[in-house]
Protein backbone atom coordinates (compact mmCIF):
# COMPACT_ATOMS: atom_id res chain seq x y z
CA UNK A 1 95.84 106.31 70.81
CA UNK A 2 98.70 107.81 69.35
CA UNK A 3 101.14 105.64 67.25
CA UNK A 4 103.01 108.38 65.79
CA UNK A 5 104.38 111.59 66.95
CA UNK A 6 105.57 114.28 64.78
CA UNK A 7 107.46 117.88 65.96
CA UNK A 8 108.29 120.95 64.32
CA UNK A 9 110.88 123.68 65.82
CA UNK A 10 110.97 127.26 64.22
CA UNK A 11 110.94 130.92 65.38
CA UNK A 12 107.62 130.42 67.25
CA UNK A 13 109.04 127.55 69.44
CA UNK A 14 108.33 123.90 69.12
CA UNK A 15 104.98 122.02 67.92
CA UNK A 16 103.83 118.78 67.53
CA UNK A 17 101.10 116.34 66.13
CA UNK A 18 100.00 112.70 67.01
CA UNK A 19 98.89 110.47 64.54
CA UNK A 20 96.99 106.95 64.99
CA UNK A 21 97.54 103.82 62.82
CA UNK A 22 94.13 104.85 61.20
CA UNK A 23 95.29 108.23 60.37
CA UNK A 24 99.24 107.70 60.15
CA UNK A 25 101.11 110.76 60.27
CA UNK A 26 102.45 113.21 57.51
CA UNK A 27 104.90 115.83 57.82
CA UNK A 28 106.26 118.41 55.44
CA UNK A 29 109.32 120.58 55.37
CA UNK A 30 108.68 123.38 52.94
CA UNK A 31 110.43 126.59 51.35
CA UNK A 32 109.45 128.47 48.31
CA UNK A 33 112.56 126.29 46.48
CA UNK A 34 111.21 123.00 47.48
CA UNK A 35 109.56 120.35 49.83
CA UNK A 36 110.21 117.19 51.44
CA UNK A 37 107.40 115.15 52.45
CA UNK A 38 107.44 112.23 55.13
CA UNK A 39 104.45 110.03 55.48
CA UNK A 40 104.38 107.02 58.13
CA UNK A 41 101.97 104.43 58.36
CA UNK A 42 101.49 100.83 59.02
CA UNK A 43 100.46 97.99 56.34
CA UNK A 44 97.94 95.31 56.99
CA UNK A 45 100.91 92.89 57.83
CA UNK A 46 101.91 95.72 60.75
CA UNK A 47 104.93 96.80 58.92
CA UNK A 48 106.08 100.07 59.48
CA UNK A 49 105.88 101.85 56.23
CA UNK A 50 107.69 105.02 54.82
CA UNK A 51 106.83 107.26 51.85
CA UNK A 52 109.30 110.24 50.82
CA UNK A 53 108.05 112.73 48.61
CA UNK A 54 109.86 116.14 47.07
CA UNK A 55 108.06 118.78 45.23
CA UNK A 56 110.13 121.89 43.29
CA UNK A 57 107.81 124.25 45.43
CA UNK A 58 106.27 124.99 48.74
CA UNK A 59 103.80 121.93 48.91
CA UNK A 60 102.21 119.28 51.34
CA UNK A 61 102.18 116.82 47.94
CA UNK A 62 104.71 116.07 45.84
CA UNK A 63 106.67 113.20 43.44
CA UNK A 64 107.25 110.13 45.39
CA UNK A 65 110.66 108.93 45.58
CA UNK A 66 110.84 105.80 47.91
CA UNK A 67 107.99 103.96 49.29
CA UNK A 68 109.01 101.10 51.64
CA UNK A 69 110.21 99.70 54.93
CA UNK A 70 112.82 101.68 57.31
CA UNK A 71 114.99 98.67 56.86
CA UNK A 72 114.99 99.47 53.08
CA UNK A 73 115.46 103.16 53.71
CA UNK A 74 118.52 102.46 56.03
CA UNK A 75 119.95 100.05 53.45
CA UNK A 76 119.68 102.77 50.72
CA UNK A 77 121.80 105.29 52.85
CA UNK A 78 124.28 102.63 54.11
CA UNK A 79 124.79 101.60 50.25
CA UNK A 80 125.35 105.29 49.50
CA UNK A 81 128.42 105.93 51.82
């Protein structure tokens, strides 16, 4: 059963992927100049975890810039306003 659902839209329309609690879901938006990678998963305490990574080129892997909960990520963006 799917726990995560991801979508992408581009010049060929919209596509999607599913992720389970066991697999999680990783999404990478890439250009030749950089990539943003998002990973969603649940930890052993059933807390949603988000890992954000960036890379200087077109990549599915990168340097982790955030690893925490959705609430922690929201707080970072609210603080930055």
